[in-house]
Amino acid sequence: VAVLFELANEVNKTAAPHLVSQLKSLAATLGLLQRPAIEFLQGGSAAGMSELQIAAQIEARSAAKKSKNYAESDRIRKALLDAGIVLEDSALDTTWRRA
């Protein structure tokens, strides 16, 4: 496991494709890193919410922000956070992951 951590650190520093492949291969022997990262981070239903429900809340929050209703936008973000959903805003869109 220590070797995997060292290799992961090296992958984070260099992003070298051959190291990524090696890390995935070695981790697979332990049953690790088998799913895409986003699938893992969003895995299962969070607090009983489906991905469609979460997407609807994100869309409602986006609409609130566009109409400059920041109180509603903040309320939706907090409600999702209370349900174990962390929103991550970027210049392009909003993504989510489990807390």
N, C-alpha and C. Protein backbone atom coordinates (compact mmCIF):
# COMPACT_ATOMS: atom_id res chain seq x y z
N VAL A 1 0.83 -1.18 0.00
CA VAL A 1 0.00 0.00 0.00
C VAL A 1 0.88 1.25 0.00
N ALA A 2 1.99 1.21 0.72
CA ALA A 2 2.89 2.36 0.76
C ALA A 2 3.43 2.67 -0.63
N VAL A 3 3.72 1.64 -1.40
CA VAL A 3 4.20 1.83 -2.77
C VAL A 3 3.13 2.52 -3.61
N LEU A 4 1.87 2.13 -3.40
CA LEU A 4 0.78 2.77 -4.14
C LEU A 4 0.70 4.25 -3.80
N PHE A 5 0.86 4.60 -2.52
CA PHE A 5 0.83 6.00 -2.13
C PHE A 5 1.98 6.77 -2.76
N GLU A 6 3.16 6.19 -2.77
CA GLU A 6 4.32 6.84 -3.39
C GLU A 6 4.08 7.04 -4.88
N LEU A 7 3.56 6.01 -5.52
CA LEU A 7 3.29 6.09 -6.96
C LEU A 7 2.19 7.11 -7.25
N ALA A 8 1.17 7.14 -6.42
CA ALA A 8 0.09 8.12 -6.59
C ALA A 8 0.63 9.54 -6.45
N ASN A 9 1.53 9.74 -5.52
CA ASN A 9 2.15 11.05 -5.33
C ASN A 9 2.92 11.45 -6.58
N GLU A 10 3.64 10.52 -7.15
CA GLU A 10 4.40 10.76 -8.37
C GLU A 10 3.46 11.07 -9.54
N VAL A 11 2.35 10.34 -9.61
CA VAL A 11 1.35 10.59 -10.66
C VAL A 11 0.79 12.00 -10.52
N ASN A 12 0.50 12.42 -9.30
CA ASN A 12 -0.02 13.77 -9.07
C ASN A 12 0.97 14.85 -9.45
N LYS A 13 2.25 14.57 -9.28
CA LYS A 13 3.28 15.55 -9.64
C LYS A 13 3.51 15.63 -11.14
N THR A 14 3.54 14.46 -11.80
CA THR A 14 3.96 14.43 -13.20
C THR A 14 2.85 14.18 -14.20
N ALA A 15 1.79 13.50 -13.78
CA ALA A 15 0.69 13.10 -14.68
C ALA A 15 1.20 12.27 -15.86
N ALA A 16 2.28 11.55 -15.64
CA ALA A 16 2.86 10.72 -16.69
C ALA A 16 1.94 9.53 -16.98
N PRO A 17 1.52 9.36 -18.23
CA PRO A 17 0.59 8.28 -18.57
C PRO A 17 1.08 6.89 -18.18
N HIS A 18 2.38 6.63 -18.32
CA HIS A 18 2.88 5.30 -17.98
C HIS A 18 2.79 5.04 -16.48
N LEU A 19 2.92 6.11 -15.66
CA LEU A 19 2.79 5.94 -14.22
C LEU A 19 1.32 5.74 -13.82
N VAL A 20 0.43 6.42 -14.52
CA VAL A 20 -1.00 6.24 -14.27
C VAL A 20 -1.39 4.80 -14.54
N SER A 21 -0.92 4.28 -15.66
CA SER A 21 -1.21 2.90 -16.03
C SER A 21 -0.64 1.93 -14.99
N GLN A 22 0.58 2.19 -14.56
CA GLN A 22 1.21 1.33 -13.57
C GLN A 22 0.45 1.38 -12.24
N LEU A 23 0.03 2.57 -11.83
CA LEU A 23 -0.71 2.72 -10.59
C LEU A 23 -2.03 1.94 -10.65
N LYS A 24 -2.75 2.08 -11.75
CA LYS A 24 -4.02 1.37 -11.89
C LYS A 24 -3.81 -0.14 -11.89
N SER A 25 -2.77 -0.58 -12.55
CA SER A 25 -2.48 -2.01 -12.62
C SER A 25 -2.14 -2.58 -11.25
N LEU A 26 -1.26 -1.90 -10.53
CA LEU A 26 -0.89 -2.37 -9.19
C LEU A 26 -2.07 -2.29 -8.22
N ALA A 27 -2.84 -1.23 -8.31
CA ALA A 27 -3.98 -1.07 -7.41
C ALA A 27 -5.05 -2.13 -7.69
N ALA A 28 -5.15 -2.56 -8.93
CA ALA A 28 -6.15 -3.56 -9.29
C ALA A 28 -5.91 -4.89 -8.57
N THR A 29 -4.65 -5.18 -8.26
CA THR A 29 -4.37 -6.43 -7.54
C THR A 29 -4.99 -6.43 -6.14
N LEU A 30 -5.25 -5.21 -5.62
CA LEU A 30 -5.90 -5.09 -4.32
C LEU A 30 -7.38 -4.74 -4.45
N GLY A 31 -7.85 -4.68 -5.69
CA GLY A 31 -9.25 -4.33 -5.92
C GLY A 31 -9.53 -2.84 -5.79
N LEU A 32 -8.50 -2.02 -5.95
CA LEU A 32 -8.64 -0.58 -5.82
C LEU A 32 -8.64 0.09 -7.20
N LEU A 33 -9.16 1.29 -7.24
CA LEU A 33 -9.16 2.13 -8.44
C LEU A 33 -9.82 1.45 -9.63
N GLN A 34 -10.90 0.75 -9.38
CA GLN A 34 -11.58 0.02 -10.45
C GLN A 34 -12.65 0.86 -11.13
N ARG A 35 -13.15 1.88 -10.46
CA ARG A 35 -14.19 2.73 -11.04
C ARG A 35 -13.61 4.10 -11.36
N PRO A 36 -14.21 4.80 -12.33
CA PRO A 36 -13.78 6.17 -12.60
C PRO A 36 -13.97 7.04 -11.35
N ALA A 37 -13.11 8.01 -11.17
CA ALA A 37 -13.14 8.85 -9.97
C ALA A 37 -14.49 9.52 -9.78
N ILE A 38 -15.06 10.07 -10.83
CA ILE A 38 -16.34 10.77 -10.69
C ILE A 38 -17.43 9.81 -10.27
N GLU A 39 -17.40 8.59 -10.78
CA GLU A 39 -18.40 7.58 -10.38
C GLU A 39 -18.24 7.24 -8.91
N PHE A 40 -17.01 7.12 -8.46
CA PHE A 40 -16.77 6.84 -7.04
C PHE A 40 -17.27 7.98 -6.17
N LEU A 41 -16.93 9.22 -6.56
CA LEU A 41 -17.30 10.38 -5.75
C LEU A 41 -18.80 10.62 -5.73
N GLN A 42 -19.49 10.23 -6.79
CA GLN A 42 -20.93 10.42 -6.85
C GLN A 42 -21.67 9.11 -6.58
N GLY A 43 -20.93 8.05 -6.30
CA GLY A 43 -21.48 6.71 -6.17
C GLY A 43 -22.67 6.60 -5.24
N GLY A 44 -23.57 5.72 -5.63
CA GLY A 44 -24.75 5.47 -4.82
C GLY A 44 -25.64 6.69 -4.78
N SER A 45 -26.70 6.59 -4.06
CA SER A 45 -27.55 7.77 -3.90
C SER A 45 -27.17 8.43 -2.59
N ALA A 46 -27.04 9.71 -2.63
CA ALA A 46 -26.67 10.46 -1.44
C ALA A 46 -27.94 10.89 -0.72
N ALA A 47 -28.05 10.50 0.52
CA ALA A 47 -29.19 10.87 1.37
C ALA A 47 -30.51 10.55 0.68
N GLY A 48 -30.54 9.47 -0.10
CA GLY A 48 -31.77 9.05 -0.74
C GLY A 48 -32.13 9.86 -1.97
N MET A 49 -31.25 10.75 -2.41
CA MET A 49 -31.53 11.57 -3.58
C MET A 49 -30.96 10.90 -4.82
N SER A 50 -31.75 10.87 -5.87
CA SER A 50 -31.27 10.32 -7.13
C SER A 50 -30.44 11.38 -7.85
N GLU A 51 -29.69 10.94 -8.85
CA GLU A 51 -28.89 11.89 -9.63
C GLU A 51 -29.79 12.90 -10.32
N LEU A 52 -30.98 12.47 -10.74
CA LEU A 52 -31.93 13.40 -11.39
C LEU A 52 -32.41 14.46 -10.40
N GLN A 53 -32.67 14.07 -9.17
CA GLN A 53 -33.09 15.03 -8.16
C GLN A 53 -31.98 16.03 -7.85
N ILE A 54 -30.78 15.53 -7.76
CA ILE A 54 -29.64 16.41 -7.50
C ILE A 54 -29.46 17.38 -8.66
N ALA A 55 -29.53 16.86 -9.88
CA ALA A 55 -29.40 17.72 -11.08
C ALA A 55 -30.49 18.78 -11.10
N ALA A 56 -31.70 18.42 -10.70
CA ALA A 56 -32.80 19.39 -10.67
C ALA A 56 -32.52 20.49 -9.66
N GLN A 57 -31.97 20.12 -8.51
CA GLN A 57 -31.63 21.12 -7.50
C GLN A 57 -30.51 22.04 -7.99
N ILE A 58 -29.54 21.46 -8.68
CA ILE A 58 -28.45 22.27 -9.24
C ILE A 58 -28.99 23.24 -10.29
N GLU A 59 -29.93 22.77 -11.11
CA GLU A 59 -30.54 23.63 -12.12
C GLU A 59 -31.35 24.75 -11.47
N ALA A 60 -32.08 24.41 -10.41
CA ALA A 60 -32.85 25.43 -9.69
C ALA A 60 -31.92 26.47 -9.08
N ARG A 61 -30.80 26.02 -8.56
CA ARG A 61 -29.82 26.93 -7.97
C ARG A 61 -29.23 27.84 -9.04
N SER A 62 -28.94 27.26 -10.20
CA SER A 62 -28.41 28.05 -11.31
C SER A 62 -29.41 29.12 -11.75
N ALA A 63 -30.68 28.76 -11.82
CA ALA A 63 -31.72 29.72 -12.20
C ALA A 63 -31.82 30.82 -11.15
N ALA A 64 -31.73 30.46 -9.89
CA ALA A 64 -31.78 31.46 -8.82
C ALA A 64 -30.61 32.43 -8.93
N LYS A 65 -29.43 31.89 -9.23
CA LYS A 65 -28.25 32.76 -9.38
C LYS A 65 -28.42 33.71 -10.56
N LYS A 66 -28.97 33.19 -11.68
CA LYS A 66 -29.17 34.03 -12.87
C LYS A 66 -30.13 35.17 -12.59
N SER A 67 -31.14 34.90 -11.76
CA SER A 67 -32.11 35.94 -11.44
C SER A 67 -31.67 36.76 -10.22
N LYS A 68 -30.44 36.57 -9.81
CA LYS A 68 -29.82 37.30 -8.70
C LYS A 68 -30.54 37.08 -7.37
N ASN A 69 -31.16 35.91 -7.24
CA ASN A 69 -31.81 35.52 -5.99
C ASN A 69 -30.80 34.70 -5.19
N TYR A 70 -29.83 35.39 -4.65
CA TYR A 70 -28.71 34.71 -3.99
C TYR A 70 -29.12 34.01 -2.70
N ALA A 71 -30.15 34.51 -2.06
CA ALA A 71 -30.62 33.85 -0.84
C ALA A 71 -31.14 32.45 -1.18
N GLU A 72 -31.90 32.34 -2.26
CA GLU A 72 -32.42 31.03 -2.69
C GLU A 72 -31.28 30.12 -3.15
N SER A 73 -30.35 30.69 -3.88
CA SER A 73 -29.18 29.93 -4.32
C SER A 73 -28.42 29.36 -3.13
N ASP A 74 -28.20 30.18 -2.12
CA ASP A 74 -27.50 29.74 -0.91
C ASP A 74 -28.31 28.70 -0.15
N ARG A 75 -29.64 28.86 -0.12
CA ARG A 75 -30.50 27.91 0.57
C ARG A 75 -30.41 26.53 -0.08
N ILE A 76 -30.42 26.50 -1.41
CA ILE A 76 -30.32 25.22 -2.13
C ILE A 76 -28.97 24.57 -1.87
N ARG A 77 -27.91 25.37 -1.93
CA ARG A 77 -26.57 24.83 -1.67
C ARG A 77 -26.51 24.23 -0.26
N LYS A 78 -27.05 24.95 0.73
CA LYS A 78 -27.02 24.46 2.11
C LYS A 78 -27.87 23.21 2.27
N ALA A 79 -29.03 23.17 1.62
CA ALA A 79 -29.89 21.99 1.70
C ALA A 79 -29.18 20.77 1.12
N LEU A 80 -28.49 20.96 0.01
CA LEU A 80 -27.74 19.85 -0.58
C LEU A 80 -26.58 19.44 0.33
N LEU A 81 -25.90 20.41 0.90
CA LEU A 81 -24.80 20.10 1.80
C LEU A 81 -25.30 19.33 3.02
N ASP A 82 -26.45 19.74 3.55
CA ASP A 82 -27.04 19.03 4.68
C ASP A 82 -27.40 17.59 4.31
N ALA A 83 -27.67 17.37 3.01
CA ALA A 83 -27.99 16.02 2.52
C ALA A 83 -26.73 15.25 2.13
N GLY A 84 -25.56 15.86 2.35
CA GLY A 84 -24.31 15.17 2.06
C GLY A 84 -23.79 15.38 0.65
N ILE A 85 -24.26 16.43 -0.01
CA ILE A 85 -23.85 16.74 -1.37
C ILE A 85 -23.04 18.03 -1.35
N VAL A 86 -21.83 17.98 -1.87
CA VAL A 86 -20.97 19.16 -1.96
C VAL A 86 -20.99 19.63 -3.41
N LEU A 87 -21.34 20.90 -3.60
CA LEU A 87 -21.33 21.49 -4.94
C LEU A 87 -19.99 22.15 -5.19
N GLU A 88 -19.50 22.00 -6.42
CA GLU A 88 -18.24 22.63 -6.81
C GLU A 88 -18.50 23.42 -8.08
N ASP A 89 -18.42 24.75 -7.95
CA ASP A 89 -18.67 25.64 -9.08
C ASP A 89 -17.39 25.89 -9.85
N SER A 90 -17.52 25.96 -11.17
CA SER A 90 -16.41 26.36 -12.03
C SER A 90 -16.95 27.39 -13.00
N ALA A 91 -16.09 27.91 -13.83
CA ALA A 91 -16.52 28.89 -14.82
C ALA A 91 -17.49 28.27 -15.83
N LEU A 92 -17.40 26.95 -16.02
CA LEU A 92 -18.24 26.29 -17.02
C LEU A 92 -19.53 25.73 -16.46
N ASP A 93 -19.48 25.12 -15.27
CA ASP A 93 -20.65 24.47 -14.73
C ASP A 93 -20.51 24.20 -13.25
N THR A 94 -21.48 23.49 -12.71
CA THR A 94 -21.44 23.06 -11.31
C THR A 94 -21.45 21.55 -11.29
N THR A 95 -20.51 20.98 -10.55
CA THR A 95 -20.47 19.53 -10.37
C THR A 95 -20.72 19.24 -8.91
N TRP A 96 -20.94 17.96 -8.60
CA TRP A 96 -21.20 17.60 -7.22
C TRP A 96 -20.46 16.32 -6.87
N ARG A 97 -20.32 16.12 -5.55
CA ARG A 97 -19.72 14.90 -5.02
C ARG A 97 -20.29 14.70 -3.63
N ARG A 98 -20.12 13.46 -3.15
CA ARG A 98 -20.55 13.18 -1.78
C ARG A 98 -19.61 13.87 -0.81
N ALA A 99 -20.14 14.31 0.32
CA ALA A 99 -19.31 14.96 1.34
C ALA A 99 -18.39 13.96 1.99
